Amino acid sequence: MGTGDHTAVLKQRFDELASGLSELENLRSRVIAAEQMQKMRSADRKPAAPIHRTAKLKSSSAKSDRPKRRLARPPGAGQ
């Protein structure tokens, strides 16, 4: 490979890298703009309402030590 060929290959590679860098800079600026738009949109909206979740069953450690009323009756009392 001659010096001229080597120089041409390097120039082509440099041009490809420069083009790729330009694309990356373009994408970066688009991402930054999109993030700013998102921040502005979220600032315009009122804060999101808290999420209401369904009530969870109490864990066994959180249950009362007292037995339930229906179990507290003496046997045969309601018959």
PDB file of N, CA and C in Angstrom:
ATOM      1  N   MET A   1       0.856  -1.176   0.000  1.00  0.00           N
ATOM      2  CA  MET A   1       0.000   0.000   0.000  1.00  0.00           C
ATOM      3  C   MET A   1       0.896   1.232   0.000  1.00  0.00           C
ATOM      4  N   GLY A   2       0.657   2.128  -0.940  1.00  0.00           N
ATOM      5  CA  GLY A   2       1.475   3.331  -1.036  1.00  0.00           C
ATOM      6  C   GLY A   2       1.055   4.369  -0.015  1.00  0.00           C
ATOM      7  N   THR A   3       1.881   5.402   0.101  1.00  0.00           N
ATOM      8  CA  THR A   3       1.597   6.472   1.055  1.00  0.00           C
ATOM      9  C   THR A   3       0.313   7.198   0.696  1.00  0.00           C
ATOM     10  N   GLY A   4       0.081   7.383  -0.610  1.00  0.00           N
ATOM     11  CA  GLY A   4      -1.144   8.053  -1.059  1.00  0.00           C
ATOM     12  C   GLY A   4      -2.381   7.259  -0.693  1.00  0.00           C
ATOM     13  N   ASP A   5      -2.308   5.923  -0.851  1.00  0.00           N
ATOM     14  CA  ASP A   5      -3.445   5.070  -0.491  1.00  0.00           C
ATOM     15  C   ASP A   5      -3.715   5.148   1.017  1.00  0.00           C
ATOM     16  N   HIS A   6      -2.645   5.113   1.767  1.00  0.00           N
ATOM     17  CA  HIS A   6      -2.782   5.163   3.225  1.00  0.00           C
ATOM     18  C   HIS A   6      -3.415   6.485   3.659  1.00  0.00           C
ATOM     19  N   THR A   7      -2.980   7.581   3.043  1.00  0.00           N
ATOM     20  CA  THR A   7      -3.532   8.897   3.359  1.00  0.00           C
ATOM     21  C   THR A   7      -5.007   8.959   2.997  1.00  0.00           C
ATOM     22  N   ALA A   8      -5.383   8.387   1.850  1.00  0.00           N
ATOM     23  CA  ALA A   8      -6.783   8.391   1.424  1.00  0.00           C
ATOM     24  C   ALA A   8      -7.654   7.597   2.404  1.00  0.00           C
ATOM     25  N   VAL A   9      -7.138   6.466   2.860  1.00  0.00           N
ATOM     26  CA  VAL A   9      -7.886   5.647   3.820  1.00  0.00           C
ATOM     27  C   VAL A   9      -8.059   6.403   5.131  1.00  0.00           C
ATOM     28  N   LEU A  10      -6.976   7.046   5.590  1.00  0.00           N
ATOM     29  CA  LEU A  10      -7.069   7.812   6.827  1.00  0.00           C
ATOM     30  C   LEU A  10      -8.059   8.967   6.694  1.00  0.00           C
ATOM     31  N   LYS A  11      -8.040   9.643   5.540  1.00  0.00           N
ATOM     32  CA  LYS A  11      -8.965  10.759   5.332  1.00  0.00           C
ATOM     33  C   LYS A  11     -10.402  10.258   5.322  1.00  0.00           C
ATOM     34  N   GLN A  12     -10.641   9.132   4.658  1.00  0.00           N
ATOM     35  CA  GLN A  12     -11.992   8.576   4.616  1.00  0.00           C
ATOM     36  C   GLN A  12     -12.456   8.204   6.032  1.00  0.00           C
ATOM     37  N   ARG A  13     -11.569   7.590   6.780  1.00  0.00           N
ATOM     38  CA  ARG A  13     -11.913   7.189   8.154  1.00  0.00           C
ATOM     39  C   ARG A  13     -12.170   8.414   9.022  1.00  0.00           C
ATOM     40  N   PHE A  14     -11.351   9.451   8.841  1.00  0.00           N
ATOM     41  CA  PHE A  14     -11.547  10.690   9.581  1.00  0.00           C
ATOM     42  C   PHE A  14     -12.907  11.299   9.260  1.00  0.00           C
ATOM     43  N   ASP A  15     -13.265  11.312   7.976  1.00  0.00           N
ATOM     44  CA  ASP A  15     -14.562  11.858   7.566  1.00  0.00           C
ATOM     45  C   ASP A  15     -15.719  11.062   8.181  1.00  0.00           C
ATOM     46  N   GLU A  16     -15.565   9.729   8.228  1.00  0.00           N
ATOM     47  CA  GLU A  16     -16.605   8.889   8.834  1.00  0.00           C
ATOM     48  C   GLU A  16     -16.746   9.192  10.325  1.00  0.00           C
ATOM     49  N   LEU A  17     -15.600   9.332  10.989  1.00  0.00           N
ATOM     50  CA  LEU A  17     -15.636   9.640  12.417  1.00  0.00           C
ATOM     51  C   LEU A  17     -16.243  11.020  12.674  1.00  0.00           C
ATOM     52  N   ALA A  18     -15.879  11.998  11.850  1.00  0.00           N
ATOM     53  CA  ALA A  18     -16.419  13.348  12.000  1.00  0.00           C
ATOM     54  C   ALA A  18     -17.928  13.341  11.781  1.00  0.00           C
ATOM     55  N   SER A  19     -18.378  12.566  10.795  1.00  0.00           N
ATOM     56  CA  SER A  19     -19.809  12.461  10.527  1.00  0.00           C
ATOM     57  C   SER A  19     -20.526  11.804  11.711  1.00  0.00           C
ATOM     58  N   GLY A  20     -19.928  10.744  12.244  1.00  0.00           N
ATOM     59  CA  GLY A  20     -20.513  10.070  13.405  1.00  0.00           C
ATOM     60  C   GLY A  20     -20.572  10.980  14.618  1.00  0.00           C
ATOM     61  N   LEU A  21     -19.520  11.768  14.817  1.00  0.00           N
ATOM     62  CA  LEU A  21     -19.497  12.708  15.928  1.00  0.00           C
ATOM     63  C   LEU A  21     -20.599  13.748  15.766  1.00  0.00           C
ATOM     64  N   SER A  22     -20.777  14.224  14.546  1.00  0.00           N
ATOM     65  CA  SER A  22     -21.830  15.196  14.274  1.00  0.00           C
ATOM     66  C   SER A  22     -23.209  14.608  14.588  1.00  0.00           C
ATOM     67  N   GLU A  23     -23.418  13.345  14.204  1.00  0.00           N
ATOM     68  CA  GLU A  23     -24.692  12.683  14.501  1.00  0.00           C
ATOM     69  C   GLU A  23     -24.900  12.552  16.008  1.00  0.00           C
ATOM     70  N   LEU A  24     -23.834  12.193  16.725  1.00  0.00           N
ATOM     71  CA  LEU A  24     -23.943  12.064  18.180  1.00  0.00           C
ATOM     72  C   LEU A  24     -24.277  13.400  18.839  1.00  0.00           C
ATOM     73  N   GLU A  25     -23.636  14.466  18.384  1.00  0.00           N
ATOM     74  CA  GLU A  25     -23.920  15.790  18.939  1.00  0.00           C
ATOM     75  C   GLU A  25     -25.365  16.188  18.667  1.00  0.00           C
ATOM     76  N   ASN A  26     -25.855  15.864  17.472  1.00  0.00           N
ATOM     77  CA  ASN A  26     -27.240  16.160  17.120  1.00  0.00           C
ATOM     78  C   ASN A  26     -28.193  15.394  18.038  1.00  0.00           C
ATOM     79  N   LEU A  27     -27.931  14.107  18.223  1.00  0.00           N
ATOM     80  CA  LEU A  27     -28.775  13.298  19.104  1.00  0.00           C
ATOM     81  C   LEU A  27     -28.735  13.819  20.539  1.00  0.00           C
ATOM     82  N   ARG A  28     -27.552  14.194  20.988  1.00  0.00           N
ATOM     83  CA  ARG A  28     -27.407  14.704  22.356  1.00  0.00           C
ATOM     84  C   ARG A  28     -28.236  15.964  22.548  1.00  0.00           C
ATOM     85  N   SER A  29     -28.188  16.868  21.585  1.00  0.00           N
ATOM     86  CA  SER A  29     -28.963  18.101  21.717  1.00  0.00           C
ATOM     87  C   SER A  29     -30.464  17.806  21.683  1.00  0.00           C
ATOM     88  N   ARG A  30     -30.871  16.811  20.895  1.00  0.00           N
ATOM     89  CA  ARG A  30     -32.291  16.440  20.856  1.00  0.00           C
ATOM     90  C   ARG A  30     -32.739  15.836  22.183  1.00  0.00           C
ATOM     91  N   VAL A  31     -31.879  15.029  22.787  1.00  0.00           N
ATOM     92  CA  VAL A  31     -32.208  14.430  24.086  1.00  0.00           C
ATOM     93  C   VAL A  31     -32.331  15.514  25.149  1.00  0.00           C
ATOM     94  N   ILE A  32     -31.394  16.453  25.155  1.00  0.00           N
ATOM     95  CA  ILE A  32     -31.434  17.546  26.133  1.00  0.00           C
ATOM     96  C   ILE A  32     -32.707  18.364  25.949  1.00  0.00           C
ATOM     97  N   ALA A  33     -33.065  18.661  24.705  1.00  0.00           N
ATOM     98  CA  ALA A  33     -34.286  19.424  24.440  1.00  0.00           C
ATOM     99  C   ALA A  33     -35.518  18.651  24.906  1.00  0.00           C
ATOM    100  N   ALA A  34     -35.546  17.350  24.663  1.00  0.00           N
ATOM    101  CA  ALA A  34     -36.686  16.535  25.087  1.00  0.00           C
ATOM    102  C   ALA A  34     -36.787  16.497  26.611  1.00  0.00           C
ATOM    103  N   GLU A  35     -35.648  16.407  27.299  1.00  0.00           N
ATOM    104  CA  GLU A  35     -35.661  16.403  28.765  1.00  0.00           C
ATOM    105  C   GLU A  35     -36.179  17.730  29.307  1.00  0.00           C
ATOM    106  N   GLN A  36     -35.783  18.836  28.683  1.00  0.00           N
ATOM    107  CA  GLN A  36     -36.257  20.144  29.123  1.00  0.00           C
ATOM    108  C   GLN A  36     -37.757  20.282  28.897  1.00  0.00           C
ATOM    109  N   MET A  37     -38.239  19.786  27.749  1.00  0.00           N
ATOM    110  CA  MET A  37     -39.681  19.827  27.475  1.00  0.00           C
ATOM    111  C   MET A  37     -40.429  19.004  28.520  1.00  0.00           C
ATOM    112  N   GLN A  38     -39.899  17.852  28.860  1.00  0.00           N
ATOM    113  CA  GLN A  38     -40.537  16.980  29.853  1.00  0.00           C
ATOM    114  C   GLN A  38     -40.598  17.677  31.211  1.00  0.00           C
ATOM    115  N   LYS A  39     -39.520  18.347  31.599  1.00  0.00           N
ATOM    116  CA  LYS A  39     -39.504  19.066  32.873  1.00  0.00           C
ATOM    117  C   LYS A  39     -40.546  20.177  32.872  1.00  0.00           C
ATOM    118  N   MET A  40     -40.650  20.894  31.759  1.00  0.00           N
ATOM    119  CA  MET A  40     -41.624  21.982  31.674  1.00  0.00           C
ATOM    120  C   MET A  40     -43.041  21.432  31.749  1.00  0.00           C
ATOM    121  N   ARG A  41     -43.296  20.327  31.079  1.00  0.00           N
ATOM    122  CA  ARG A  41     -44.633  19.725  31.117  1.00  0.00           C
ATOM    123  C   ARG A  41     -44.979  19.283  32.530  1.00  0.00           C
ATOM    124  N   SER A  42     -44.033  18.649  33.203  1.00  0.00           N
ATOM    125  CA  SER A  42     -44.319  18.154  34.549  1.00  0.00           C
ATOM    126  C   SER A  42     -44.454  19.316  35.533  1.00  0.00           C
ATOM    127  N   ALA A  43     -43.783  20.429  35.289  1.00  0.00           N
ATOM    128  CA  ALA A  43     -43.907  21.593  36.158  1.00  0.00           C
ATOM    129  C   ALA A  43     -45.253  22.276  35.947  1.00  0.00           C
ATOM    130  N   ASP A  44     -45.789  22.224  34.734  1.00  0.00           N
ATOM    131  CA  ASP A  44     -47.085  22.831  34.445  1.00  0.00           C
ATOM    132  C   ASP A  44     -48.218  22.052  35.094  1.00  0.00           C
ATOM    133  N   ARG A  45     -48.063  20.753  35.162  1.00  0.00           N
ATOM    134  CA  ARG A  45     -49.106  19.914  35.755  1.00  0.00           C
ATOM    135  C   ARG A  45     -49.076  20.024  37.262  1.00  0.00           C
ATOM    136  N   LYS A  46     -50.253  19.864  37.874  1.00  0.00           N
ATOM    137  CA  LYS A  46     -50.272  19.822  39.336  1.00  0.00           C
ATOM    138  C   LYS A  46     -49.634  18.512  39.776  1.00  0.00           C
ATOM    139  N   PRO A  47     -49.168  18.448  40.984  1.00  0.00           N
ATOM    140  CA  PRO A  47     -48.534  17.208  41.448  1.00  0.00           C
ATOM    141  C   PRO A  47     -49.496  16.033  41.325  1.00  0.00           C
ATOM    142  N   ALA A  48     -48.977  14.913  41.010  1.00  0.00           N
ATOM    143  CA  ALA A  48     -49.801  13.721  40.833  1.00  0.00           C
ATOM    144  C   ALA A  48     -50.439  13.344  42.159  1.00  0.00           C
ATOM    145  N   ALA A  49     -51.690  12.900  42.063  1.00  0.00           N
ATOM    146  CA  ALA A  49     -52.394  12.455  43.262  1.00  0.00           C
ATOM    147  C   ALA A  49     -51.709  11.204  43.790  1.00  0.00           C
ATOM    148  N   PRO A  50     -51.718  11.046  45.088  1.00  0.00           N
ATOM    149  CA  PRO A  50     -51.097   9.829  45.626  1.00  0.00           C
ATOM    150  C   PRO A  50     -51.837   8.594  45.129  1.00  0.00           C
ATOM    151  N   ILE A  51     -51.120   7.553  44.931  1.00  0.00           N
ATOM    152  CA  ILE A  51     -51.719   6.317  44.433  1.00  0.00           C
ATOM    153  C   ILE A  51     -52.426   5.631  45.590  1.00  0.00           C
ATOM    154  N   HIS A  52     -53.714   5.342  45.390  1.00  0.00           N
ATOM    155  CA  HIS A  52     -54.473   4.627  46.421  1.00  0.00           C
ATOM    156  C   HIS A  52     -54.327   3.146  46.156  1.00  0.00           C
ATOM    157  N   ARG A  53     -53.784   2.468  47.098  1.00  0.00           N
ATOM    158  CA  ARG A  53     -53.598   1.032  46.936  1.00  0.00           C
ATOM    159  C   ARG A  53     -54.649   0.312  47.749  1.00  0.00           C
ATOM    160  N   THR A  54     -54.961  -0.875  47.327  1.00  0.00           N
ATOM    161  CA  THR A  54     -55.945  -1.653  48.070  1.00  0.00           C
ATOM    162  C   THR A  54     -55.373  -1.984  49.438  1.00  0.00           C
ATOM    163  N   ALA A  55     -56.262  -2.045  50.404  1.00  0.00           N
ATOM    164  CA  ALA A  55     -55.817  -2.327  51.766  1.00  0.00           C
ATOM    165  C   ALA A  55     -55.210  -3.716  51.827  1.00  0.00           C
ATOM    166  N   LYS A  56     -54.114  -3.803  52.479  1.00  0.00           N
ATOM    167  CA  LYS A  56     -53.458  -5.099  52.617  1.00  0.00           C
ATOM    168  C   LYS A  56     -53.946  -5.754  53.904  1.00  0.00           C
ATOM    169  N   LEU A  57     -53.986  -7.047  53.894  1.00  0.00           N
ATOM    170  CA  LEU A  57     -54.358  -7.766  55.100  1.00  0.00           C
ATOM    171  C   LEU A  57     -53.274  -7.563  56.141  1.00  0.00           C
ATOM    172  N   LYS A  58     -53.714  -7.511  57.390  1.00  0.00           N
ATOM    173  CA  LYS A  58     -52.730  -7.339  58.458  1.00  0.00           C
ATOM    174  C   LYS A  58     -51.862  -8.578  58.539  1.00  0.00           C
ATOM    175  N   SER A  59     -50.654  -8.359  58.841  1.00  0.00           N
ATOM    176  CA  SER A  59     -49.775  -9.512  59.025  1.00  0.00           C
ATOM    177  C   SER A  59     -50.129 -10.177  60.344  1.00  0.00           C
ATOM    178  N   SER A  60     -49.736 -11.403  60.510  1.00  0.00           N
ATOM    179  CA  SER A  60     -50.082 -12.129  61.732  1.00  0.00           C
ATOM    180  C   SER A  60     -49.499 -11.444  62.962  1.00  0.00           C
ATOM    181  N   SER A  61     -48.384 -10.763  62.815  1.00  0.00           N
ATOM    182  CA  SER A  61     -47.780 -10.095  63.968  1.00  0.00           C
ATOM    183  C   SER A  61     -48.551  -8.831  64.337  1.00  0.00           C
ATOM    184  N   ALA A  62     -49.331  -8.281  63.398  1.00  0.00           N
ATOM    185  CA  ALA A  62     -50.071  -7.058  63.671  1.00  0.00           C
ATOM    186  C   ALA A  62     -51.476  -7.352  64.183  1.00  0.00           C
ATOM    187  N   LYS A  63     -51.909  -8.595  64.145  1.00  0.00           N
ATOM    188  CA  LYS A  63     -53.258  -8.939  64.589  1.00  0.00           C
ATOM    189  C   LYS A  63     -53.343  -8.844  66.107  1.00  0.00           C
ATOM    190  N   SER A  64     -54.556  -8.598  66.565  1.00  0.00           N
ATOM    191  CA  SER A  64     -54.807  -8.491  67.992  1.00  0.00           C
ATOM    192  C   SER A  64     -54.616  -9.841  68.667  1.00  0.00           C
ATOM    193  N   ASP A  65     -54.247  -9.801  69.918  1.00  0.00           N
ATOM    194  CA  ASP A  65     -54.101 -11.041  70.679  1.00  0.00           C
ATOM    195  C   ASP A  65     -55.456 -11.605  71.096  1.00  0.00           C
ATOM    196  N   ARG A  66     -56.485 -10.728  71.097  1.00  0.00           N
ATOM    197  CA  ARG A  66     -57.813 -11.178  71.518  1.00  0.00           C
ATOM    198  C   ARG A  66     -58.428 -12.054  70.438  1.00  0.00           C
ATOM    199  N   PRO A  67     -59.125 -13.110  70.821  1.00  0.00           N
ATOM    200  CA  PRO A  67     -59.820 -13.924  69.819  1.00  0.00           C
ATOM    201  C   PRO A  67     -61.024 -13.163  69.274  1.00  0.00           C
ATOM    202  N   LYS A  68     -61.494 -13.547  68.105  1.00  0.00           N
ATOM    203  CA  LYS A  68     -62.664 -12.899  67.525  1.00  0.00           C
ATOM    204  C   LYS A  68     -63.879 -13.213  68.380  1.00  0.00           C
ATOM    205  N   ARG A  69     -64.892 -12.325  68.332  1.00  0.00           N
ATOM    206  CA  ARG A  69     -66.071 -12.492  69.180  1.00  0.00           C
ATOM    207  C   ARG A  69     -66.757 -13.826  68.944  1.00  0.00           C
ATOM    208  N   ARG A  70     -66.935 -14.202  67.690  1.00  0.00           N
ATOM    209  CA  ARG A  70     -67.679 -15.426  67.416  1.00  0.00           C
ATOM    210  C   ARG A  70     -66.969 -16.647  67.986  1.00  0.00           C
ATOM    211  N   LEU A  71     -65.675 -16.550  68.177  1.00  0.00           N
ATOM    212  CA  LEU A  71     -64.952 -17.668  68.759  1.00  0.00           C
ATOM    213  C   LEU A  71     -64.940 -17.594  70.286  1.00  0.00           C
ATOM    214  N   ALA A  72     -65.294 -16.423  70.844  1.00  0.00           N
ATOM    215  CA  ALA A  72     -65.221 -16.242  72.287  1.00  0.00           C
ATOM    216  C   ALA A  72     -66.457 -16.792  73.000  1.00  0.00           C
ATOM    217  N   ARG A  73     -67.534 -17.092  72.276  1.00  0.00           N
ATOM    218  CA  ARG A  73     -68.742 -17.624  72.921  1.00  0.00           C
ATOM    219  C   ARG A  73     -68.502 -19.036  73.442  1.00  0.00           C
ATOM    220  N   PRO A  74     -69.146 -19.361  74.524  1.00  0.00           N
ATOM    221  CA  PRO A  74     -69.021 -20.738  75.005  1.00  0.00           C
ATOM    222  C   PRO A  74     -69.667 -21.707  74.024  1.00  0.00           C
ATOM    223  N   PRO A  75     -69.183 -22.904  73.924  1.00  0.00           N
ATOM    224  CA  PRO A  75     -69.763 -23.857  72.973  1.00  0.00           C
ATOM    225  C   PRO A  75     -71.230 -24.125  73.292  1.00  0.00           C
ATOM    226  N   GLY A  76     -72.076 -24.154  72.244  1.00  0.00           N
ATOM    227  CA  GLY A  76     -73.499 -24.441  72.392  1.00  0.00           C
ATOM    228  C   GLY A  76     -74.317 -23.272  72.878  1.00  0.00           C
ATOM    229  N   ALA A  77     -73.783 -22.055  72.985  1.00  0.00           N
ATOM    230  CA  ALA A  77     -74.519 -20.910  73.519  1.00  0.00           C
ATOM    231  C   ALA A  77     -75.566 -20.399  72.546  1.00  0.00           C
ATOM    232  N   GLY A  78     -75.324 -20.444  71.286  1.00  0.00           N
ATOM    233  CA  GLY A  78     -76.265 -19.868  70.330  1.00  0.00           C
ATOM    234  C   GLY A  78     -77.171 -20.889  69.682  1.00  0.00           C
ATOM    235  N   GLN A  79     -77.220 -22.109  70.157  1.00  0.00           N
ATOM    236  CA  GLN A  79     -78.007 -23.133  69.469  1.00  0.00           C
ATOM    237  C   GLN A  79     -79.322 -23.363  70.093  1.00  0.00           C
TER     238      GLN A  79
END
